[in-house]
């Protein structure tokens, strides 16, 4: 690691593993993901920042054929085979009662009162921050040598009815997780240049 402004900068190999050489996978080897790796990935991801440390994301790891078959009816056809083949599929959900945990997670002020009864703020905060946490989990998985394939092609109401019937959690997005087959990757798609996507004011 090199040092920038007193903080450690990760080396080029870490940047490659997380970003430059990491790819979205659709074809998977059959090797299972050990539970210990799932736990380790979560323990890394939970350290990422969220608004008022609200941490609204909830993760359901579907690791068995039976569990994934419960998800299949909610998927768009193009996501079915890749989901069946992946070692695990993660439902990134949002806890719509996340604010009840704020006295423990953010004890410095009465943050719970900001949200209680404010359905719009609850929905916005849950969606935004659970999306962040889902991304943190994917980066944590990559850091541990796993591959990911995020998916938004599914019916969230079907997922909610099957997995979260009490309505307290709601599905945000999905991603497949495991050991991707790098020989089956397509060429990397283009990305925007800085000048196209950014402004410095």
N, C-alpha and C. Protein backbone atom coordinates (compact mmCIF):
# COMPACT_ATOMS: atom_id res chain seq x y z
N UNK A 1 0.83 -1.20 0.00
CA UNK A 1 0.00 0.00 0.00
C UNK A 1 0.87 1.26 0.00
N UNK A 2 0.40 2.28 -0.68
CA UNK A 2 1.04 3.58 -0.62
C UNK A 2 0.18 4.52 0.20
N UNK A 3 0.78 5.61 0.66
CA UNK A 3 0.07 6.49 1.58
C UNK A 3 -0.35 7.77 0.87
N UNK A 4 -1.61 8.16 1.05
CA UNK A 4 -2.15 9.39 0.48
C UNK A 4 -2.83 10.16 1.59
N UNK A 5 -2.34 11.38 1.86
CA UNK A 5 -2.95 12.22 2.92
C UNK A 5 -3.07 11.47 4.24
N UNK A 6 -2.06 10.69 4.57
CA UNK A 6 -2.06 10.00 5.84
C UNK A 6 -2.86 8.71 5.87
N UNK A 7 -3.51 8.36 4.76
CA UNK A 7 -4.29 7.13 4.71
C UNK A 7 -3.65 6.16 3.72
N UNK A 8 -3.85 4.89 3.98
CA UNK A 8 -3.29 3.89 3.09
C UNK A 8 -4.10 3.78 1.82
N UNK A 9 -3.42 3.78 0.70
CA UNK A 9 -4.04 3.54 -0.60
C UNK A 9 -3.80 2.09 -0.96
N UNK A 10 -4.84 1.37 -1.35
CA UNK A 10 -4.67 -0.04 -1.68
C UNK A 10 -3.83 -0.17 -2.94
N UNK A 11 -3.18 -1.32 -3.08
CA UNK A 11 -2.27 -1.49 -4.20
C UNK A 11 -3.04 -1.80 -5.49
N UNK A 12 -2.31 -1.84 -6.59
CA UNK A 12 -2.92 -2.02 -7.91
C UNK A 12 -3.66 -3.35 -8.01
N UNK A 13 -3.14 -4.37 -7.34
CA UNK A 13 -3.80 -5.67 -7.40
C UNK A 13 -5.18 -5.64 -6.78
N UNK A 14 -5.31 -4.92 -5.67
CA UNK A 14 -6.62 -4.79 -5.03
C UNK A 14 -7.58 -4.01 -5.92
N UNK A 15 -7.10 -2.94 -6.54
CA UNK A 15 -7.96 -2.17 -7.45
C UNK A 15 -8.40 -3.01 -8.64
N UNK A 16 -7.51 -3.85 -9.14
CA UNK A 16 -7.88 -4.76 -10.24
C UNK A 16 -8.97 -5.72 -9.80
N UNK A 17 -8.80 -6.31 -8.60
CA UNK A 17 -9.76 -7.31 -8.11
C UNK A 17 -11.13 -6.70 -7.87
N UNK A 18 -11.16 -5.47 -7.41
CA UNK A 18 -12.43 -4.82 -7.08
C UNK A 18 -13.09 -4.17 -8.28
N UNK A 19 -12.29 -3.62 -9.22
CA UNK A 19 -12.84 -2.79 -10.27
C UNK A 19 -12.33 -3.14 -11.67
N UNK A 20 -11.03 -2.99 -11.90
CA UNK A 20 -10.54 -2.98 -13.27
C UNK A 20 -10.63 -4.33 -13.96
N UNK A 21 -10.42 -5.41 -13.22
CA UNK A 21 -10.51 -6.74 -13.83
C UNK A 21 -11.75 -7.50 -13.41
N UNK A 22 -12.48 -6.99 -12.45
CA UNK A 22 -13.72 -7.65 -12.01
C UNK A 22 -14.78 -7.52 -13.09
N UNK A 23 -15.58 -8.55 -13.26
CA UNK A 23 -16.59 -8.56 -14.31
C UNK A 23 -17.92 -9.06 -13.75
N UNK A 24 -18.98 -8.72 -14.46
CA UNK A 24 -20.31 -9.25 -14.15
C UNK A 24 -20.43 -10.62 -14.81
N UNK A 25 -20.71 -11.64 -14.00
CA UNK A 25 -20.73 -13.01 -14.52
C UNK A 25 -22.16 -13.53 -14.69
N UNK A 26 -22.32 -14.32 -15.76
CA UNK A 26 -23.60 -14.99 -16.03
C UNK A 26 -23.45 -16.50 -16.14
N UNK A 27 -22.22 -16.99 -16.28
CA UNK A 27 -21.94 -18.42 -16.38
C UNK A 27 -21.08 -18.80 -15.19
N UNK A 28 -21.45 -19.91 -14.55
CA UNK A 28 -20.87 -20.21 -13.24
C UNK A 28 -20.31 -21.62 -13.17
N UNK A 29 -19.24 -21.77 -12.40
CA UNK A 29 -18.77 -23.08 -12.00
C UNK A 29 -19.67 -23.58 -10.86
N UNK A 30 -19.71 -24.88 -10.69
CA UNK A 30 -20.63 -25.47 -9.71
C UNK A 30 -20.09 -25.48 -8.29
N UNK A 31 -18.91 -24.96 -8.08
CA UNK A 31 -18.28 -24.97 -6.76
C UNK A 31 -19.11 -24.17 -5.75
N UNK A 32 -19.46 -24.74 -4.61
CA UNK A 32 -20.27 -24.01 -3.61
C UNK A 32 -19.46 -22.93 -2.90
N UNK A 33 -20.16 -21.93 -2.40
CA UNK A 33 -19.54 -20.89 -1.59
C UNK A 33 -19.67 -21.27 -0.12
N UNK A 34 -18.58 -21.42 0.60
CA UNK A 34 -18.67 -21.78 2.02
C UNK A 34 -19.42 -20.71 2.82
N UNK A 35 -20.15 -21.16 3.81
CA UNK A 35 -20.88 -20.21 4.66
C UNK A 35 -19.93 -19.21 5.31
N UNK A 36 -18.74 -19.66 5.65
CA UNK A 36 -17.79 -18.75 6.26
C UNK A 36 -17.45 -17.57 5.38
N UNK A 37 -17.40 -17.77 4.05
CA UNK A 37 -17.14 -16.66 3.14
C UNK A 37 -18.32 -15.69 3.10
N UNK A 38 -19.53 -16.22 3.16
CA UNK A 38 -20.70 -15.34 3.19
C UNK A 38 -20.68 -14.47 4.44
N UNK A 39 -20.34 -15.07 5.56
CA UNK A 39 -20.27 -14.32 6.80
C UNK A 39 -19.15 -13.27 6.75
N UNK A 40 -18.01 -13.67 6.17
CA UNK A 40 -16.90 -12.73 6.08
C UNK A 40 -17.24 -11.55 5.18
N UNK A 41 -17.92 -11.83 4.07
CA UNK A 41 -18.33 -10.76 3.17
C UNK A 41 -19.28 -9.79 3.87
N UNK A 42 -20.24 -10.34 4.62
CA UNK A 42 -21.16 -9.46 5.35
C UNK A 42 -20.42 -8.61 6.38
N UNK A 43 -19.49 -9.23 7.09
CA UNK A 43 -18.77 -8.49 8.13
C UNK A 43 -17.93 -7.36 7.55
N UNK A 44 -17.49 -7.48 6.29
CA UNK A 44 -16.83 -6.37 5.62
C UNK A 44 -17.85 -5.33 5.16
N UNK A 45 -18.92 -5.80 4.53
CA UNK A 45 -19.89 -4.88 3.94
C UNK A 45 -20.59 -4.03 4.98
N UNK A 46 -20.81 -4.57 6.15
CA UNK A 46 -21.56 -3.82 7.16
C UNK A 46 -20.80 -2.60 7.65
N UNK A 47 -19.51 -2.51 7.35
CA UNK A 47 -18.72 -1.37 7.77
C UNK A 47 -18.86 -0.18 6.84
N UNK A 48 -19.48 -0.37 5.69
CA UNK A 48 -19.68 0.74 4.76
C UNK A 48 -20.67 1.76 5.31
N UNK A 49 -20.52 3.04 4.95
CA UNK A 49 -21.37 4.09 5.52
C UNK A 49 -22.80 4.06 4.99
N UNK A 50 -23.74 4.36 5.89
CA UNK A 50 -25.14 4.60 5.54
C UNK A 50 -25.62 5.81 6.33
N UNK A 51 -26.71 6.39 5.88
CA UNK A 51 -27.26 7.58 6.53
C UNK A 51 -27.60 7.27 7.99
N UNK A 52 -27.01 8.04 8.91
CA UNK A 52 -27.23 7.86 10.35
C UNK A 52 -26.97 6.41 10.78
N UNK A 53 -26.07 5.74 10.06
CA UNK A 53 -25.77 4.33 10.36
C UNK A 53 -27.04 3.48 10.36
N UNK A 54 -27.99 3.85 9.50
CA UNK A 54 -29.32 3.22 9.53
C UNK A 54 -29.29 1.76 9.12
N UNK A 55 -28.36 1.37 8.25
CA UNK A 55 -28.15 -0.04 7.90
C UNK A 55 -29.44 -0.78 7.58
N UNK A 56 -30.25 -0.28 6.62
CA UNK A 56 -31.55 -0.90 6.38
C UNK A 56 -31.51 -2.18 5.55
N UNK A 57 -30.37 -2.51 4.96
CA UNK A 57 -30.32 -3.69 4.10
C UNK A 57 -30.44 -4.98 4.91
N UNK A 58 -31.13 -5.94 4.33
CA UNK A 58 -31.20 -7.29 4.85
C UNK A 58 -30.88 -8.23 3.70
N UNK A 59 -30.14 -9.27 3.96
CA UNK A 59 -29.65 -10.15 2.90
C UNK A 59 -30.15 -11.57 3.12
N UNK A 60 -30.74 -12.13 2.09
CA UNK A 60 -31.18 -13.52 2.13
C UNK A 60 -30.33 -14.28 1.12
N UNK A 61 -29.52 -15.22 1.60
CA UNK A 61 -28.63 -16.00 0.76
C UNK A 61 -29.33 -17.31 0.38
N UNK A 62 -29.64 -17.46 -0.88
CA UNK A 62 -30.27 -18.69 -1.37
C UNK A 62 -29.17 -19.61 -1.87
N UNK A 63 -28.87 -20.65 -1.11
CA UNK A 63 -27.73 -21.51 -1.41
C UNK A 63 -28.12 -22.92 -1.82
N UNK A 64 -29.39 -23.26 -1.70
CA UNK A 64 -29.83 -24.60 -2.06
C UNK A 64 -30.73 -24.54 -3.29
N UNK A 65 -30.82 -25.66 -3.96
CA UNK A 65 -31.70 -25.74 -5.13
C UNK A 65 -33.15 -25.44 -4.74
N UNK A 66 -33.56 -25.95 -3.59
CA UNK A 66 -34.94 -25.74 -3.15
C UNK A 66 -35.21 -24.25 -2.90
N UNK A 67 -34.26 -23.56 -2.28
CA UNK A 67 -34.45 -22.14 -2.01
C UNK A 67 -34.52 -21.34 -3.29
N UNK A 68 -33.65 -21.65 -4.25
CA UNK A 68 -33.64 -20.90 -5.50
C UNK A 68 -34.89 -21.17 -6.33
N UNK A 69 -35.42 -22.38 -6.25
CA UNK A 69 -36.65 -22.68 -7.00
C UNK A 69 -37.82 -21.83 -6.51
N UNK A 70 -37.80 -21.41 -5.27
CA UNK A 70 -38.84 -20.50 -4.78
C UNK A 70 -38.75 -19.14 -5.46
N UNK A 71 -37.55 -18.77 -5.90
CA UNK A 71 -37.32 -17.49 -6.55
C UNK A 71 -37.63 -17.51 -8.04
N UNK A 72 -37.48 -18.67 -8.66
CA UNK A 72 -37.56 -18.77 -10.13
C UNK A 72 -38.83 -18.15 -10.71
N UNK A 73 -40.03 -18.36 -10.12
CA UNK A 73 -41.23 -17.77 -10.74
C UNK A 73 -41.22 -16.25 -10.80
N UNK A 74 -40.38 -15.61 -10.01
CA UNK A 74 -40.33 -14.14 -10.00
C UNK A 74 -39.33 -13.58 -11.00
N UNK A 75 -38.53 -14.44 -11.64
CA UNK A 75 -37.46 -13.97 -12.51
C UNK A 75 -37.91 -13.79 -13.94
N UNK A 76 -37.33 -12.81 -14.63
CA UNK A 76 -37.48 -12.72 -16.07
C UNK A 76 -36.79 -13.93 -16.69
N UNK A 77 -37.29 -14.40 -17.84
CA UNK A 77 -36.74 -15.64 -18.42
C UNK A 77 -35.23 -15.64 -18.59
N UNK A 78 -34.64 -14.51 -18.95
CA UNK A 78 -33.21 -14.46 -19.18
C UNK A 78 -32.37 -14.63 -17.94
N UNK A 79 -32.97 -14.56 -16.77
CA UNK A 79 -32.23 -14.70 -15.52
C UNK A 79 -32.37 -16.07 -14.87
N UNK A 80 -33.19 -16.94 -15.46
CA UNK A 80 -33.50 -18.22 -14.82
C UNK A 80 -32.31 -19.16 -14.82
N UNK A 81 -31.72 -19.43 -15.98
CA UNK A 81 -30.65 -20.42 -16.06
C UNK A 81 -29.43 -19.98 -15.27
N UNK A 82 -29.08 -18.70 -15.35
CA UNK A 82 -27.88 -18.23 -14.62
C UNK A 82 -28.09 -18.32 -13.12
N UNK A 83 -29.33 -18.11 -12.67
CA UNK A 83 -29.61 -18.21 -11.24
C UNK A 83 -29.54 -19.65 -10.77
N UNK A 84 -30.07 -20.56 -11.56
CA UNK A 84 -29.99 -21.98 -11.19
C UNK A 84 -28.54 -22.45 -11.14
N UNK A 85 -27.69 -21.90 -12.01
CA UNK A 85 -26.31 -22.37 -12.10
C UNK A 85 -25.40 -21.76 -11.04
N UNK A 86 -25.73 -20.58 -10.54
CA UNK A 86 -24.85 -19.90 -9.59
C UNK A 86 -24.81 -20.64 -8.26
N UNK A 87 -23.71 -20.50 -7.55
CA UNK A 87 -23.59 -21.15 -6.25
C UNK A 87 -24.60 -20.60 -5.25
N UNK A 88 -24.87 -19.29 -5.33
CA UNK A 88 -25.82 -18.66 -4.42
C UNK A 88 -26.46 -17.47 -5.13
N UNK A 89 -27.65 -17.14 -4.69
CA UNK A 89 -28.31 -15.92 -5.13
C UNK A 89 -28.67 -15.12 -3.89
N UNK A 90 -28.39 -13.84 -3.93
CA UNK A 90 -28.63 -12.97 -2.79
C UNK A 90 -29.83 -12.07 -3.08
N UNK A 91 -30.82 -12.11 -2.20
CA UNK A 91 -31.88 -11.13 -2.24
C UNK A 91 -31.44 -9.98 -1.35
N UNK A 92 -31.21 -8.83 -1.96
CA UNK A 92 -30.91 -7.62 -1.19
C UNK A 92 -32.25 -6.96 -0.88
N UNK A 93 -32.61 -6.98 0.38
CA UNK A 93 -33.90 -6.46 0.81
C UNK A 93 -33.69 -5.23 1.67
N UNK A 94 -34.77 -4.52 1.94
CA UNK A 94 -34.74 -3.34 2.80
C UNK A 94 -35.76 -3.51 3.92
N UNK A 95 -35.30 -3.27 5.12
CA UNK A 95 -36.16 -3.37 6.29
C UNK A 95 -36.92 -2.05 6.43
N UNK A 96 -38.24 -2.12 6.26
CA UNK A 96 -39.04 -0.90 6.29
C UNK A 96 -39.27 -0.40 7.72
N UNK A 97 -38.77 -1.13 8.68
CA UNK A 97 -38.81 -0.68 10.07
C UNK A 97 -37.39 -0.49 10.62
N UNK A 98 -36.46 -0.15 9.73
CA UNK A 98 -35.06 0.00 10.12
C UNK A 98 -34.87 1.03 11.23
N UNK A 99 -35.72 2.04 11.26
CA UNK A 99 -35.57 3.14 12.21
C UNK A 99 -35.77 2.70 13.66
N UNK A 100 -36.43 1.55 13.85
CA UNK A 100 -36.61 1.04 15.21
C UNK A 100 -35.27 0.63 15.84
N UNK A 101 -34.25 0.42 15.02
CA UNK A 101 -32.94 0.03 15.52
C UNK A 101 -32.01 1.22 15.73
N UNK A 102 -32.46 2.43 15.39
CA UNK A 102 -31.58 3.59 15.49
C UNK A 102 -31.15 3.92 16.92
N UNK A 103 -31.97 3.70 17.94
CA UNK A 103 -31.45 3.95 19.30
C UNK A 103 -30.19 3.14 19.61
N UNK A 104 -30.06 1.98 19.02
CA UNK A 104 -28.84 1.18 19.19
C UNK A 104 -27.75 1.57 18.20
N UNK A 105 -28.11 1.77 16.92
CA UNK A 105 -27.13 1.98 15.88
C UNK A 105 -26.63 3.43 15.80
N UNK A 106 -27.46 4.38 16.25
CA UNK A 106 -27.09 5.80 16.19
C UNK A 106 -27.56 6.47 17.46
N UNK A 107 -26.89 6.17 18.59
CA UNK A 107 -27.40 6.58 19.90
C UNK A 107 -27.14 8.03 20.27
N UNK A 108 -26.55 8.80 19.37
CA UNK A 108 -26.11 10.15 19.72
C UNK A 108 -27.27 11.15 19.80
N UNK A 109 -28.31 10.91 19.02
CA UNK A 109 -29.50 11.77 19.02
C UNK A 109 -30.71 10.87 18.87
N UNK A 110 -31.90 11.45 18.98
CA UNK A 110 -33.13 10.69 18.81
C UNK A 110 -33.45 10.57 17.32
N UNK A 111 -32.63 9.79 16.60
CA UNK A 111 -32.80 9.66 15.16
C UNK A 111 -34.09 8.92 14.79
N UNK A 112 -34.58 8.07 15.68
CA UNK A 112 -35.82 7.36 15.38
C UNK A 112 -36.95 8.33 15.09
N UNK A 113 -36.97 9.45 15.82
CA UNK A 113 -38.06 10.41 15.66
C UNK A 113 -38.06 11.08 14.29
N UNK A 114 -36.92 11.05 13.61
CA UNK A 114 -36.87 11.62 12.26
C UNK A 114 -37.74 10.82 11.29
N UNK A 115 -37.89 9.53 11.56
CA UNK A 115 -38.52 8.64 10.60
C UNK A 115 -39.92 8.17 11.00
N UNK A 116 -40.16 7.99 12.28
CA UNK A 116 -41.43 7.42 12.72
C UNK A 116 -42.60 8.22 12.16
N UNK A 117 -43.46 7.56 11.40
CA UNK A 117 -44.63 8.19 10.81
C UNK A 117 -44.37 8.91 9.51
N UNK A 118 -43.13 9.02 9.08
CA UNK A 118 -42.77 9.72 7.84
C UNK A 118 -42.52 8.68 6.75
N UNK A 119 -43.57 8.21 6.12
CA UNK A 119 -43.45 7.09 5.19
C UNK A 119 -42.57 7.41 3.99
N UNK A 120 -42.62 8.66 3.52
CA UNK A 120 -41.79 9.03 2.37
C UNK A 120 -40.31 8.97 2.70
N UNK A 121 -39.94 9.52 3.84
CA UNK A 121 -38.54 9.50 4.25
C UNK A 121 -38.07 8.07 4.53
N UNK A 122 -38.94 7.27 5.13
CA UNK A 122 -38.60 5.87 5.38
C UNK A 122 -38.29 5.16 4.07
N UNK A 123 -39.19 5.32 3.08
CA UNK A 123 -39.02 4.62 1.80
C UNK A 123 -37.75 5.08 1.09
N UNK A 124 -37.52 6.39 1.04
CA UNK A 124 -36.34 6.90 0.36
C UNK A 124 -35.06 6.44 1.03
N UNK A 125 -35.03 6.53 2.36
CA UNK A 125 -33.82 6.15 3.09
C UNK A 125 -33.55 4.66 2.98
N UNK A 126 -34.60 3.85 3.07
CA UNK A 126 -34.43 2.40 2.97
C UNK A 126 -33.92 2.01 1.59
N UNK A 127 -34.51 2.58 0.54
CA UNK A 127 -34.10 2.21 -0.82
C UNK A 127 -32.67 2.66 -1.11
N UNK A 128 -32.37 3.92 -0.78
CA UNK A 128 -31.05 4.45 -1.10
C UNK A 128 -29.95 3.71 -0.35
N UNK A 129 -30.14 3.51 0.92
CA UNK A 129 -29.07 2.94 1.72
C UNK A 129 -28.97 1.43 1.59
N UNK A 130 -30.07 0.74 1.34
CA UNK A 130 -29.95 -0.70 1.09
C UNK A 130 -29.27 -0.95 -0.26
N UNK A 131 -29.46 -0.03 -1.22
CA UNK A 131 -28.74 -0.15 -2.49
C UNK A 131 -27.24 0.01 -2.27
N UNK A 132 -26.87 1.00 -1.45
CA UNK A 132 -25.46 1.15 -1.10
C UNK A 132 -24.91 -0.11 -0.46
N UNK A 133 -25.66 -0.66 0.48
CA UNK A 133 -25.16 -1.83 1.20
C UNK A 133 -25.06 -3.05 0.30
N UNK A 134 -25.98 -3.17 -0.65
CA UNK A 134 -25.87 -4.26 -1.61
C UNK A 134 -24.61 -4.14 -2.44
N UNK A 135 -24.27 -2.90 -2.84
CA UNK A 135 -23.04 -2.68 -3.58
C UNK A 135 -21.82 -2.98 -2.71
N UNK A 136 -21.88 -2.56 -1.44
CA UNK A 136 -20.77 -2.89 -0.54
C UNK A 136 -20.57 -4.41 -0.45
N UNK A 137 -21.68 -5.14 -0.39
CA UNK A 137 -21.56 -6.60 -0.27
C UNK A 137 -20.94 -7.20 -1.53
N UNK A 138 -21.29 -6.68 -2.70
CA UNK A 138 -20.67 -7.18 -3.92
C UNK A 138 -19.18 -6.88 -3.95
N UNK A 139 -18.79 -5.69 -3.53
CA UNK A 139 -17.36 -5.38 -3.49
C UNK A 139 -16.63 -6.22 -2.46
N UNK A 140 -17.27 -6.46 -1.32
CA UNK A 140 -16.66 -7.34 -0.32
C UNK A 140 -16.48 -8.74 -0.88
N UNK A 141 -17.48 -9.23 -1.58
CA UNK A 141 -17.38 -10.56 -2.18
C UNK A 141 -16.23 -10.62 -3.19
N UNK A 142 -16.12 -9.59 -4.02
CA UNK A 142 -15.00 -9.55 -4.96
C UNK A 142 -13.67 -9.53 -4.24
N UNK A 143 -13.59 -8.79 -3.15
CA UNK A 143 -12.34 -8.71 -2.39
C UNK A 143 -11.94 -10.07 -1.83
N UNK A 144 -12.92 -10.94 -1.62
CA UNK A 144 -12.65 -12.27 -1.06
C UNK A 144 -12.51 -13.34 -2.13
N UNK A 145 -12.48 -12.92 -3.39
CA UNK A 145 -12.25 -13.87 -4.48
C UNK A 145 -13.49 -14.43 -5.12
N UNK A 146 -14.65 -13.88 -4.80
CA UNK A 146 -15.90 -14.33 -5.39
C UNK A 146 -16.27 -13.44 -6.58
N UNK A 147 -17.19 -13.94 -7.39
CA UNK A 147 -17.71 -13.18 -8.53
C UNK A 147 -19.19 -12.89 -8.30
N UNK A 148 -19.68 -11.84 -8.95
CA UNK A 148 -21.07 -11.41 -8.77
C UNK A 148 -21.73 -11.15 -10.11
N UNK A 149 -23.05 -11.27 -10.11
CA UNK A 149 -23.84 -10.93 -11.27
C UNK A 149 -25.14 -10.28 -10.83
N UNK A 150 -25.19 -8.95 -10.71
CA UNK A 150 -26.41 -8.28 -10.24
C UNK A 150 -27.55 -8.37 -11.25
N UNK A 151 -28.78 -8.40 -10.73
CA UNK A 151 -29.96 -8.54 -11.57
C UNK A 151 -31.07 -7.64 -11.05
N UNK A 152 -31.72 -6.94 -11.96
CA UNK A 152 -32.95 -6.23 -11.61
C UNK A 152 -34.14 -6.76 -12.38
N UNK A 153 -33.93 -7.79 -13.18
CA UNK A 153 -35.00 -8.37 -13.99
C UNK A 153 -35.80 -9.39 -13.20
N UNK A 154 -36.68 -8.90 -12.33
CA UNK A 154 -37.52 -9.79 -11.54
C UNK A 154 -38.74 -9.01 -11.08
N UNK A 155 -39.74 -9.73 -10.60
CA UNK A 155 -40.97 -9.13 -10.10
C UNK A 155 -40.84 -9.00 -8.58
N UNK A 156 -40.61 -7.79 -8.07
CA UNK A 156 -40.39 -7.65 -6.62
C UNK A 156 -41.60 -8.05 -5.80
N UNK A 157 -42.80 -7.85 -6.33
CA UNK A 157 -43.98 -8.22 -5.55
C UNK A 157 -44.08 -9.73 -5.37
N UNK A 158 -43.67 -10.48 -6.37
CA UNK A 158 -43.65 -11.94 -6.23
C UNK A 158 -42.60 -12.37 -5.21
N UNK A 159 -41.43 -11.71 -5.24
CA UNK A 159 -40.39 -12.02 -4.26
C UNK A 159 -40.88 -11.69 -2.86
N UNK A 160 -41.50 -10.54 -2.71
CA UNK A 160 -42.00 -10.14 -1.40
C UNK A 160 -43.05 -11.11 -0.89
N UNK A 161 -43.96 -11.54 -1.77
CA UNK A 161 -45.01 -12.46 -1.35
C UNK A 161 -44.44 -13.80 -0.92
N UNK A 162 -43.39 -14.24 -1.59
CA UNK A 162 -42.81 -15.55 -1.30
C UNK A 162 -41.90 -15.53 -0.08
N UNK A 163 -41.08 -14.48 0.05
CA UNK A 163 -40.05 -14.47 1.08
C UNK A 163 -40.35 -13.54 2.25
N UNK A 164 -41.15 -12.50 2.01
CA UNK A 164 -41.38 -11.48 3.05
C UNK A 164 -42.87 -11.17 3.18
N UNK A 165 -43.68 -12.17 3.46
CA UNK A 165 -45.14 -11.95 3.45
C UNK A 165 -45.64 -11.00 4.52
N UNK A 166 -44.85 -10.76 5.58
CA UNK A 166 -45.33 -9.85 6.63
C UNK A 166 -45.14 -8.38 6.25
N UNK A 167 -44.45 -8.11 5.14
CA UNK A 167 -44.31 -6.76 4.65
C UNK A 167 -43.23 -5.93 5.32
N UNK A 168 -42.55 -6.47 6.30
CA UNK A 168 -41.54 -5.68 7.01
C UNK A 168 -40.26 -5.51 6.18
N UNK A 169 -39.93 -6.52 5.39
CA UNK A 169 -38.81 -6.42 4.46
C UNK A 169 -39.37 -6.37 3.05
N UNK A 170 -38.65 -5.69 2.16
CA UNK A 170 -39.04 -5.62 0.76
C UNK A 170 -37.82 -5.81 -0.12
N UNK A 171 -37.99 -6.53 -1.20
CA UNK A 171 -36.87 -6.79 -2.11
C UNK A 171 -36.45 -5.50 -2.82
N UNK A 172 -35.14 -5.32 -2.93
CA UNK A 172 -34.58 -4.20 -3.68
C UNK A 172 -34.00 -4.71 -5.00
N UNK A 173 -32.95 -5.54 -4.93
CA UNK A 173 -32.40 -6.15 -6.14
C UNK A 173 -31.80 -7.49 -5.78
N UNK A 174 -31.35 -8.22 -6.78
CA UNK A 174 -30.78 -9.55 -6.62
C UNK A 174 -29.37 -9.55 -7.17
N UNK A 175 -28.55 -10.47 -6.66
CA UNK A 175 -27.32 -10.77 -7.40
C UNK A 175 -26.92 -12.21 -7.18
N UNK A 176 -26.40 -12.80 -8.26
CA UNK A 176 -25.84 -14.13 -8.18
C UNK A 176 -24.41 -14.03 -7.69
N UNK A 177 -23.97 -15.07 -7.01
CA UNK A 177 -22.70 -15.04 -6.30
C UNK A 177 -22.04 -16.41 -6.42
N UNK A 178 -20.75 -16.40 -6.63
CA UNK A 178 -20.05 -17.67 -6.68
C UNK A 178 -18.73 -17.54 -7.42
N UNK A 179 -18.44 -18.54 -8.25
CA UNK A 179 -17.18 -18.59 -8.98
C UNK A 179 -17.51 -18.60 -10.46
N UNK A 180 -17.35 -17.44 -11.09
CA UNK A 180 -17.74 -17.30 -12.49
C UNK A 180 -16.76 -17.99 -13.42
N UNK A 181 -17.28 -18.37 -14.59
CA UNK A 181 -16.46 -18.97 -15.64
C UNK A 181 -15.92 -17.85 -16.52
N UNK A 182 -14.67 -17.47 -16.31
CA UNK A 182 -14.08 -16.34 -17.03
C UNK A 182 -13.95 -16.59 -18.51
N UNK A 183 -13.91 -17.86 -18.92
CA UNK A 183 -13.78 -18.16 -20.35
C UNK A 183 -15.07 -17.88 -21.11
N UNK A 184 -16.18 -17.69 -20.40
CA UNK A 184 -17.47 -17.44 -21.06
C UNK A 184 -17.87 -15.97 -21.02
N UNK A 185 -16.97 -15.11 -20.58
CA UNK A 185 -17.29 -13.68 -20.52
C UNK A 185 -17.30 -13.06 -21.91
N UNK A 186 -18.21 -12.13 -22.13
CA UNK A 186 -18.18 -11.30 -23.32
C UNK A 186 -17.15 -10.20 -23.13
N UNK A 187 -16.73 -9.55 -24.23
CA UNK A 187 -15.83 -8.40 -24.06
C UNK A 187 -16.46 -7.34 -23.16
N UNK A 188 -15.63 -6.65 -22.40
CA UNK A 188 -16.15 -5.64 -21.49
C UNK A 188 -16.85 -4.54 -22.28
N UNK A 189 -18.01 -4.15 -21.81
CA UNK A 189 -18.76 -3.08 -22.45
C UNK A 189 -18.10 -1.73 -22.17
N UNK A 190 -18.33 -0.75 -23.03
CA UNK A 190 -17.70 0.57 -22.83
C UNK A 190 -18.19 1.25 -21.56
N UNK A 191 -17.40 2.17 -21.08
CA UNK A 191 -17.77 3.03 -19.97
C UNK A 191 -17.58 4.48 -20.40
N UNK A 192 -18.25 5.40 -19.70
CA UNK A 192 -18.09 6.81 -19.98
C UNK A 192 -16.69 7.29 -19.58
N UNK A 193 -16.18 8.28 -20.28
CA UNK A 193 -14.99 9.00 -19.84
C UNK A 193 -15.40 10.02 -18.78
N UNK A 194 -14.39 10.47 -18.04
CA UNK A 194 -14.64 11.45 -16.99
C UNK A 194 -15.38 12.67 -17.53
N UNK A 195 -14.96 13.18 -18.67
CA UNK A 195 -15.53 14.40 -19.22
C UNK A 195 -16.99 14.23 -19.61
N UNK A 196 -17.40 13.01 -19.90
CA UNK A 196 -18.80 12.76 -20.28
C UNK A 196 -19.73 12.67 -19.08
N UNK A 197 -19.22 12.21 -17.96
CA UNK A 197 -20.09 11.88 -16.84
C UNK A 197 -19.88 12.75 -15.60
N UNK A 198 -18.88 13.62 -15.63
CA UNK A 198 -18.54 14.34 -14.41
C UNK A 198 -18.42 15.84 -14.65
N UNK A 199 -18.65 16.59 -13.59
CA UNK A 199 -18.39 18.03 -13.58
C UNK A 199 -17.65 18.37 -12.29
N UNK A 200 -16.69 19.24 -12.39
CA UNK A 200 -16.02 19.79 -11.23
C UNK A 200 -16.38 21.26 -11.16
N UNK A 201 -17.05 21.66 -10.09
CA UNK A 201 -17.53 23.04 -9.96
C UNK A 201 -16.73 23.80 -8.90
